[in-house]
PDB file of N, CA and C in Angstrom:
ATOM      1  N   MET A   1      93.926   6.392-126.882  1.00  0.00           N
ATOM      2  CA  MET A   1      95.082   5.609-126.464  1.00  0.00           C
ATOM      3  C   MET A   1      94.593   4.225-126.047  1.00  0.00           C
ATOM      4  N   HIS A   2      95.298   3.212-126.510  1.00  0.00           N
ATOM      5  CA  HIS A   2      94.943   1.827-126.192  1.00  0.00           C
ATOM      6  C   HIS A   2      95.628   1.409-124.893  1.00  0.00           C
ATOM      7  N   THR A   3      94.988   0.498-124.179  1.00  0.00           N
ATOM      8  CA  THR A   3      95.560  -0.064-122.962  1.00  0.00           C
ATOM      9  C   THR A   3      95.419  -1.580-123.021  1.00  0.00           C
ATOM     10  N   LEU A   4      96.501  -2.269-122.701  1.00  0.00           N
ATOM     11  CA  LEU A   4      96.495  -3.729-122.646  1.00  0.00           C
ATOM     12  C   LEU A   4      97.132  -4.167-121.332  1.00  0.00           C
ATOM     13  N   SER A   5      96.631  -5.257-120.791  1.00  0.00           N
ATOM     14  CA  SER A   5      97.286  -5.823-119.613  1.00  0.00           C
ATOM     15  C   SER A   5      98.542  -6.553-120.072  1.00  0.00           C
ATOM     16  N   SER A   6      99.431  -6.832-119.144  1.00  0.00           N
ATOM     17  CA  SER A   6     100.643  -7.599-119.481  1.00  0.00           C
ATOM     18  C   SER A   6     100.271  -8.947-120.071  1.00  0.00           C
ATOM     19  N   ARG A   7      99.244  -9.554-119.533  1.00  0.00           N
ATOM     20  CA  ARG A   7      98.803 -10.861-120.034  1.00  0.00           C
ATOM     21  C   ARG A   7      98.315 -10.745-121.475  1.00  0.00           C
ATOM     22  N   GLU A   8      97.484  -9.736-121.762  1.00  0.00           N
ATOM     23  CA  GLU A   8      97.000  -9.536-123.131  1.00  0.00           C
ATOM     24  C   GLU A   8      98.167  -9.290-124.089  1.00  0.00           C
ATOM     25  N   PHE A   9      99.117  -8.488-123.632  1.00  0.00           N
ATOM     26  CA  PHE A   9     100.289  -8.198-124.457  1.00  0.00           C
ATOM     27  C   PHE A   9     101.052  -9.480-124.777  1.00  0.00           C
ATOM     28  N   ASN A  10     101.311 -10.294-123.760  1.00  0.00           N
ATOM     29  CA  ASN A  10     102.065 -11.540-123.952  1.00  0.00           C
ATOM     30  C   ASN A  10     101.327 -12.531-124.844  1.00  0.00           C
ATOM     31  N   GLN A  11     100.003 -12.534-124.769  1.00  0.00           N
ATOM     32  CA  GLN A  11      99.232 -13.486-125.561  1.00  0.00           C
ATOM     33  C   GLN A  11      99.076 -13.070-127.020  1.00  0.00           C
ATOM     34  N   ASP A  12      99.163 -11.757-127.286  1.00  0.00           N
ATOM     35  CA  ASP A  12      98.945 -11.299-128.658  1.00  0.00           C
ATOM     36  C   ASP A  12      99.764 -10.044-128.941  1.00  0.00           C
ATOM     37  N   VAL A  13     101.067 -10.243-129.146  1.00  0.00           N
ATOM     38  CA  VAL A  13     101.963  -9.117-129.427  1.00  0.00           C
ATOM     39  C   VAL A  13     101.561  -8.428-130.725  1.00  0.00           C
ATOM     40  N   GLY A  14     101.108  -9.192-131.700  1.00  0.00           N
ATOM     41  CA  GLY A  14     100.678  -8.624-132.976  1.00  0.00           C
ATOM     42  C   GLY A  14      99.556  -7.608-132.790  1.00  0.00           C
ATOM     43  N   ARG A  15      98.623  -7.917-131.911  1.00  0.00           N
ATOM     44  CA  ARG A  15      97.521  -6.987-131.619  1.00  0.00           C
ATOM     45  C   ARG A  15      98.070  -5.690-131.050  1.00  0.00           C
ATOM     46  N   ALA A  16      99.042  -5.796-130.153  1.00  0.00           N
ATOM     47  CA  ALA A  16      99.651  -4.601-129.544  1.00  0.00           C
ATOM     48  C   ALA A  16     100.367  -3.771-130.612  1.00  0.00           C
ATOM     49  N   LYS A  17     101.074  -4.422-131.513  1.00  0.00           N
ATOM     50  CA  LYS A  17     101.776  -3.702-132.572  1.00  0.00           C
ATOM     51  C   LYS A  17     100.794  -2.995-133.501  1.00  0.00           C
ATOM     52  N   ARG A  18      99.694  -3.671-133.829  1.00  0.00           N
ATOM     53  CA  ARG A  18      98.681  -3.034-134.678  1.00  0.00           C
ATOM     54  C   ARG A  18      98.064  -1.830-133.964  1.00  0.00           C
ATOM     55  N   ALA A  19      97.819  -1.964-132.672  1.00  0.00           N
ATOM     56  CA  ALA A  19      97.251  -0.855-131.901  1.00  0.00           C
ATOM     57  C   ALA A  19      98.225   0.312-131.848  1.00  0.00           C
ATOM     58  N   ALA A  20      99.530   0.026-131.821  1.00  0.00           N
ATOM     59  CA  ALA A  20     100.548   1.086-131.759  1.00  0.00           C
ATOM     60  C   ALA A  20     100.603   1.902-133.045  1.00  0.00           C
ATOM     61  N   GLU A  21     100.020   1.398-134.125  1.00  0.00           N
ATOM     62  CA  GLU A  21      99.946   2.163-135.367  1.00  0.00           C
ATOM     63  C   GLU A  21      99.086   3.414-135.168  1.00  0.00           C
ATOM     64  N   ASP A  22      98.099   3.331-134.269  1.00  0.00           N
ATOM     65  CA  ASP A  22      97.183   4.451-134.005  1.00  0.00           C
ATOM     66  C   ASP A  22      97.710   5.403-132.942  1.00  0.00           C
ATOM     67  N   GLY A  23      98.693   4.975-132.181  1.00  0.00           N
ATOM     68  CA  GLY A  23      99.238   5.808-131.119  1.00  0.00           C
ATOM     69  C   GLY A  23      99.804   4.931-130.014  1.00  0.00           C
ATOM     70  N   PRO A  24     100.353   5.551-128.982  1.00  0.00           N
ATOM     71  CA  PRO A  24     100.961   4.779-127.895  1.00  0.00           C
ATOM     72  C   PRO A  24      99.987   3.794-127.250  1.00  0.00           C
ATOM     73  N   VAL A  25     100.525   2.649-126.845  1.00  0.00           N
ATOM     74  CA  VAL A  25      99.751   1.611-126.163  1.00  0.00           C
ATOM     75  C   VAL A  25     100.309   1.482-124.750  1.00  0.00           C
ATOM     76  N   VAL A  26      99.451   1.672-123.763  1.00  0.00           N
ATOM     77  CA  VAL A  26      99.864   1.521-122.366  1.00  0.00           C
ATOM     78  C   VAL A  26      99.705   0.058-121.987  1.00  0.00           C
ATOM     79  N   ILE A  27     100.765  -0.511-121.439  1.00  0.00           N
ATOM     80  CA  ILE A  27     100.729  -1.898-120.981  1.00  0.00           C
ATOM     81  C   ILE A  27     100.746  -1.864-119.463  1.00  0.00           C
ATOM     82  N   THR A  28      99.723  -2.463-118.883  1.00  0.00           N
ATOM     83  CA  THR A  28      99.590  -2.413-117.430  1.00  0.00           C
ATOM     84  C   THR A  28     100.167  -3.660-116.785  1.00  0.00           C
ATOM     85  N   ASP A  29     100.588  -3.506-115.563  1.00  0.00           N
ATOM     86  CA  ASP A  29     101.069  -4.612-114.743  1.00  0.00           C
ATOM     87  C   ASP A  29     100.316  -4.527-113.426  1.00  0.00           C
ATOM     88  N   ARG A  30      99.474  -5.515-113.195  1.00  0.00           N
ATOM     89  CA  ARG A  30      98.615  -5.536-111.999  1.00  0.00           C
ATOM     90  C   ARG A  30      97.717  -4.306-111.916  1.00  0.00           C
ATOM     91  N   GLY A  31      97.222  -3.913-113.090  1.00  0.00           N
ATOM     92  CA  GLY A  31      96.271  -2.815-113.155  1.00  0.00           C
ATOM     93  C   GLY A  31      96.872  -1.425-113.191  1.00  0.00           C
ATOM     94  N   ARG A  32      98.178  -1.333-113.098  1.00  0.00           N
ATOM     95  CA  ARG A  32      98.839  -0.020-113.117  1.00  0.00           C
ATOM     96  C   ARG A  32      99.669   0.142-114.386  1.00  0.00           C
ATOM     97  N   PRO A  33      99.654   1.341-114.983  1.00  0.00           N
ATOM     98  CA  PRO A  33     100.485   1.557-116.166  1.00  0.00           C
ATOM     99  C   PRO A  33     101.954   1.260-115.862  1.00  0.00           C
ATOM    100  N   ALA A  34     102.575   0.445-116.710  1.00  0.00           N
ATOM    101  CA  ALA A  34     103.959   0.066-116.465  1.00  0.00           C
ATOM    102  C   ALA A  34     104.872   0.352-117.666  1.00  0.00           C
ATOM    103  N   TYR A  35     104.349   0.189-118.869  1.00  0.00           N
ATOM    104  CA  TYR A  35     105.151   0.362-120.076  1.00  0.00           C
ATOM    105  C   TYR A  35     104.313   1.056-121.141  1.00  0.00           C
ATOM    106  N   VAL A  36     105.012   1.607-122.125  1.00  0.00           N
ATOM    107  CA  VAL A  36     104.339   2.211-123.268  1.00  0.00           C
ATOM    108  C   VAL A  36     104.988   1.677-124.538  1.00  0.00           C
ATOM    109  N   LEU A  37     104.164   1.169-125.441  1.00  0.00           N
ATOM    110  CA  LEU A  37     104.632   0.682-126.726  1.00  0.00           C
ATOM    111  C   LEU A  37     104.223   1.706-127.779  1.00  0.00           C
ATOM    112  N   MET A  38     105.193   2.112-128.601  1.00  0.00           N
ATOM    113  CA  MET A  38     104.899   3.069-129.665  1.00  0.00           C
ATOM    114  C   MET A  38     105.820   2.818-130.840  1.00  0.00           C
ATOM    115  N   ARG A  39     105.458   3.388-131.981  1.00  0.00           N
ATOM    116  CA  ARG A  39     106.310   3.291-133.160  1.00  0.00           C
ATOM    117  C   ARG A  39     107.620   4.011-132.889  1.00  0.00           C
ATOM    118  N   HIS A  40     108.682   3.501-133.474  1.00  0.00           N
ATOM    119  CA  HIS A  40     109.997   4.084-133.265  1.00  0.00           C
ATOM    120  C   HIS A  40     110.044   5.532-133.742  1.00  0.00           C
ATOM    121  N   GLU A  41     109.387   5.817-134.856  1.00  0.00           N
ATOM    122  CA  GLU A  41     109.347   7.189-135.374  1.00  0.00           C
ATOM    123  C   GLU A  41     108.709   8.139-134.363  1.00  0.00           C
ATOM    124  N   THR A  42     107.667   7.666-133.681  1.00  0.00           N
ATOM    125  CA  THR A  42     107.003   8.482-132.654  1.00  0.00           C
ATOM    126  C   THR A  42     107.962   8.749-131.512  1.00  0.00           C
ATOM    127  N   TYR A  43     108.663   7.717-131.068  1.00  0.00           N
ATOM    128  CA  TYR A  43     109.630   7.883-129.986  1.00  0.00           C
ATOM    129  C   TYR A  43     110.697   8.911-130.354  1.00  0.00           C
ATOM    130  N   LEU A  44     111.251   8.791-131.557  1.00  0.00           N
ATOM    131  CA  LEU A  44     112.287   9.736-131.980  1.00  0.00           C
ATOM    132  C   LEU A  44     111.754  11.164-132.007  1.00  0.00           C
ATOM    133  N   ARG A  45     110.527  11.325-132.492  1.00  0.00           N
ATOM    134  CA  ARG A  45     109.951  12.664-132.588  1.00  0.00           C
ATOM    135  C   ARG A  45     109.729  13.275-131.202  1.00  0.00           C
ATOM    136  N   ILE A  46     109.142  12.515-130.289  1.00  0.00           N
ATOM    137  CA  ILE A  46     108.828  13.105-128.983  1.00  0.00           C
ATOM    138  C   ILE A  46     110.052  13.224-128.081  1.00  0.00           C
ATOM    139  N   SER A  47     111.106  12.452-128.383  1.00  0.00           N
ATOM    140  CA  SER A  47     112.321  12.545-127.569  1.00  0.00           C
ATOM    141  C   SER A  47     113.319  13.544-128.147  1.00  0.00           C
ATOM    142  N   GLY A  48     112.971  14.128-129.301  1.00  0.00           N
ATOM    143  CA  GLY A  48     113.865  15.100-129.918  1.00  0.00           C
ATOM    144  C   GLY A  48     115.083  14.470-130.560  1.00  0.00           C
ATOM    145  N   GLN A  49     115.003  13.194-130.890  1.00  0.00           N
ATOM    146  CA  GLN A  49     116.146  12.475-131.463  1.00  0.00           C
ATOM    147  C   GLN A  49     115.898  12.097-132.914  1.00  0.00           C
ATOM    148  N   GLU A  50     115.226  12.944-133.650  1.00  0.00           N
ATOM    149  CA  GLU A  50     114.974  12.630-135.043  1.00  0.00           C
ATOM    150  C   GLU A  50     116.308  12.451-135.759  1.00  0.00           C
ATOM    151  N   PRO A  51     116.357  11.557-136.745  1.00  0.00           N
ATOM    152  CA  PRO A  51     117.630  11.273-137.407  1.00  0.00           C
ATOM    153  C   PRO A  51     118.173  12.486-138.159  1.00  0.00           C
ATOM    154  N   ASN A  52     119.497  12.584-138.189  1.00  0.00           N
ATOM    155  CA  ASN A  52     120.132  13.669-138.939  1.00  0.00           C
ATOM    156  C   ASN A  52     120.346  13.225-140.380  1.00  0.00           C
ATOM    157  N   ILE A  53     120.847  14.102-141.200  1.00  0.00           N
ATOM    158  CA  ILE A  53     120.997  13.812-142.631  1.00  0.00           C
ATOM    159  C   ILE A  53     121.931  12.630-142.876  1.00  0.00           C
ATOM    160  N   ALA A  54     122.995  12.488-142.072  1.00  0.00           N
ATOM    161  CA  ALA A  54     123.927  11.369-142.254  1.00  0.00           C
ATOM    162  C   ALA A  54     123.222  10.038-141.996  1.00  0.00           C
ATOM    163  N   ALA A  55     122.395   9.972-140.965  1.00  0.00           N
ATOM    164  CA  ALA A  55     121.666   8.735-140.668  1.00  0.00           C
ATOM    165  C   ALA A  55     120.653   8.425-141.759  1.00  0.00           C
ATOM    166  N   LEU A  56     119.983   9.446-142.268  1.00  0.00           N
ATOM    167  CA  LEU A  56     119.015   9.231-143.336  1.00  0.00           C
ATOM    168  C   LEU A  56     119.688   8.721-144.605  1.00  0.00           C
ATOM    169  N   LEU A  57     120.854   9.272-144.936  1.00  0.00           N
ATOM    170  CA  LEU A  57     121.564   8.825-146.136  1.00  0.00           C
ATOM    171  C   LEU A  57     122.143   7.425-145.978  1.00  0.00           C
ATOM    172  N   ALA A  58     122.475   7.029-144.758  1.00  0.00           N
ATOM    173  CA  ALA A  58     123.026   5.700-144.508  1.00  0.00           C
ATOM    174  C   ALA A  58     121.950   4.616-144.526  1.00  0.00           C
ATOM    175  N   ASP A  59     120.697   5.007-144.425  1.00  0.00           N
ATOM    176  CA  ASP A  59     119.591   4.063-144.408  1.00  0.00           C
ATOM    177  C   ASP A  59     119.458   3.403-145.782  1.00  0.00           C
ATOM    178  N   PRO A  60     119.483   2.061-145.843  1.00  0.00           N
ATOM    179  CA  PRO A  60     119.370   1.382-147.138  1.00  0.00           C
ATOM    180  C   PRO A  60     118.095   1.761-147.904  1.00  0.00           C
ATOM    181  N   ALA A  61     117.044   2.108-147.205  1.00  0.00           N
ATOM    182  CA  ALA A  61     115.795   2.492-147.874  1.00  0.00           C
ATOM    183  C   ALA A  61     115.954   3.795-148.647  1.00  0.00           C
ATOM    184  N   SER A  62     116.969   4.596-148.312  1.00  0.00           N
ATOM    185  CA  SER A  62     117.151   5.878-148.996  1.00  0.00           C
ATOM    186  C   SER A  62     117.584   5.693-150.445  1.00  0.00           C
ATOM    187  N   GLU A  63     118.046   4.491-150.804  1.00  0.00           N
ATOM    188  CA  GLU A  63     118.437   4.236-152.186  1.00  0.00           C
ATOM    189  C   GLU A  63     117.246   4.334-153.134  1.00  0.00           C
ATOM    190  N   GLU A  64     116.048   4.130-152.614  1.00  0.00           N
ATOM    191  CA  GLU A  64     114.850   4.151-153.438  1.00  0.00           C
ATOM    192  C   GLU A  64     114.280   5.554-153.611  1.00  0.00           C
ATOM    193  N   VAL A  65     114.801   6.517-152.898  1.00  0.00           N
ATOM    194  CA  VAL A  65     114.295   7.883-152.970  1.00  0.00           C
ATOM    195  C   VAL A  65     114.887   8.578-154.184  1.00  0.00           C
ATOM    196  N   GLU A  66     114.007   9.106-155.002  1.00  0.00           N
ATOM    197  CA  GLU A  66     114.470   9.844-156.171  1.00  0.00           C
ATOM    198  C   GLU A  66     114.691  11.299-155.774  1.00  0.00           C
ATOM    199  N   PHE A  67     115.824  11.841-156.174  1.00  0.00           N
ATOM    200  CA  PHE A  67     116.144  13.230-155.852  1.00  0.00           C
ATOM    201  C   PHE A  67     116.814  13.860-157.052  1.00  0.00           C
ATOM    202  N   GLU A  68     116.233  14.898-157.541  1.00  0.00           N
ATOM    203  CA  GLU A  68     116.775  15.617-158.678  1.00  0.00           C
ATOM    204  C   GLU A  68     116.915  17.073-158.252  1.00  0.00           C
ATOM    205  N   PRO A  69     118.137  17.492-157.839  1.00  0.00           N
ATOM    206  CA  PRO A  69     118.303  18.875-157.378  1.00  0.00           C
ATOM    207  C   PRO A  69     118.083  19.863-158.515  1.00  0.00           C
ATOM    208  N   PRO A  70     117.562  21.035-158.209  1.00  0.00           N
ATOM    209  CA  PRO A  70     117.348  22.025-159.266  1.00  0.00           C
ATOM    210  C   PRO A  70     118.685  22.533-159.798  1.00  0.00           C
ATOM    211  N   ARG A  71     118.716  22.845-161.074  1.00  0.00           N
ATOM    212  CA  ARG A  71     119.926  23.388-161.687  1.00  0.00           C
ATOM    213  C   ARG A  71     120.068  24.847-161.298  1.00  0.00           C
ATOM    214  N   LEU A  72     121.298  25.254-161.021  1.00  0.00           N
ATOM    215  CA  LEU A  72     121.573  26.648-160.705  1.00  0.00           C
ATOM    216  C   LEU A  72     121.754  27.425-162.000  1.00  0.00           C
ATOM    217  N   GLY A  73     121.226  28.623-162.041  1.00  0.00           N
ATOM    218  CA  GLY A  73     121.386  29.461-163.224  1.00  0.00           C
ATOM    219  C   GLY A  73     122.780  30.040-163.289  1.00  0.00           C
ATOM    220  N   ALA A  74     123.107  30.694-164.393  1.00  0.00           N
ATOM    221  CA  ALA A  74     124.430  31.275-164.607  1.00  0.00           C
ATOM    222  C   ALA A  74     124.751  32.350-163.577  1.00  0.00           C
ATOM    223  N   ASP A  75     123.748  33.039-163.068  1.00  0.00           N
ATOM    224  CA  ASP A  75     123.987  34.112-162.105  1.00  0.00           C
ATOM    225  C   ASP A  75     124.110  33.607-160.661  1.00  0.00           C
ATOM    226  N   ALA A  76     123.976  32.279-160.446  1.00  0.00           N
ATOM    227  CA  ALA A  76     124.059  31.718-159.105  1.00  0.00           C
ATOM    228  C   ALA A  76     125.477  31.759-158.547  1.00  0.00           C
ATOM    229  N   VAL A  77     126.468  31.711-159.414  1.00  0.00           N
ATOM    230  CA  VAL A  77     127.866  31.754-158.990  1.00  0.00           C
ATOM    231  C   VAL A  77     128.482  33.031-159.507  1.00  0.00           C
ATOM    232  N   ARG A  78     128.988  33.815-158.601  1.00  0.00           N
ATOM    233  CA  ARG A  78     129.638  35.050-159.010  1.00  0.00           C
ATOM    234  C   ARG A  78     130.796  35.344-158.055  1.00  0.00           C
ATOM    235  N   GLY A  79     131.697  36.153-158.471  1.00  0.00           N
ATOM    236  CA  GLY A  79     132.856  36.483-157.636  1.00  0.00           C
ATOM    237  C   GLY A  79     132.475  37.381-156.467  1.00  0.00           C
ATOM    238  N   ALA A  80     133.309  37.375-155.472  1.00  0.00           N
ATOM    239  CA  ALA A  80     133.079  38.204-154.295  1.00  0.00           C
ATOM    240  C   ALA A  80     133.431  39.655-154.600  1.00  0.00           C
ATOM    241  N   ASP A  81     132.691  40.574-154.022  1.00  0.00           N
ATOM    242  CA  ASP A  81     132.946  42.004-154.187  1.00  0.00           C
ATOM    243  C   ASP A  81     133.646  42.510-152.929  1.00  0.00           C
ATOM    244  N   PHE A  82     134.948  42.756-153.021  1.00  0.00           N
ATOM    245  CA  PHE A  82     135.717  43.212-151.859  1.00  0.00           C
ATOM    246  C   PHE A  82     135.855  44.728-151.800  1.00  0.00           C
ATOM    247  N   GLY A  83     135.169  45.421-152.633  1.00  0.00           N
ATOM    248  CA  GLY A  83     135.338  46.858-152.735  1.00  0.00           C
ATOM    249  C   GLY A  83     134.436  47.659-151.936  1.00  0.00           C
TER     250      GLY A  83
END
């Protein structure tokens, strides 16, 4: 885990963002942990707020995802047996 002082963070935000690629970055204020910088995906995962299917489909990046569902065979659809 990386640690940066508030001053280091303010002077080089890019460095903090690059460090957050490897995991959470603790930002200290007067030598004490005060904030944590992490990737948004990490936050969603650890907070239990991963996106649902509707949010994933609404994401413009989802247009680039290729999806070819498997074809169902003739026996996949059949009438109900009420007997």
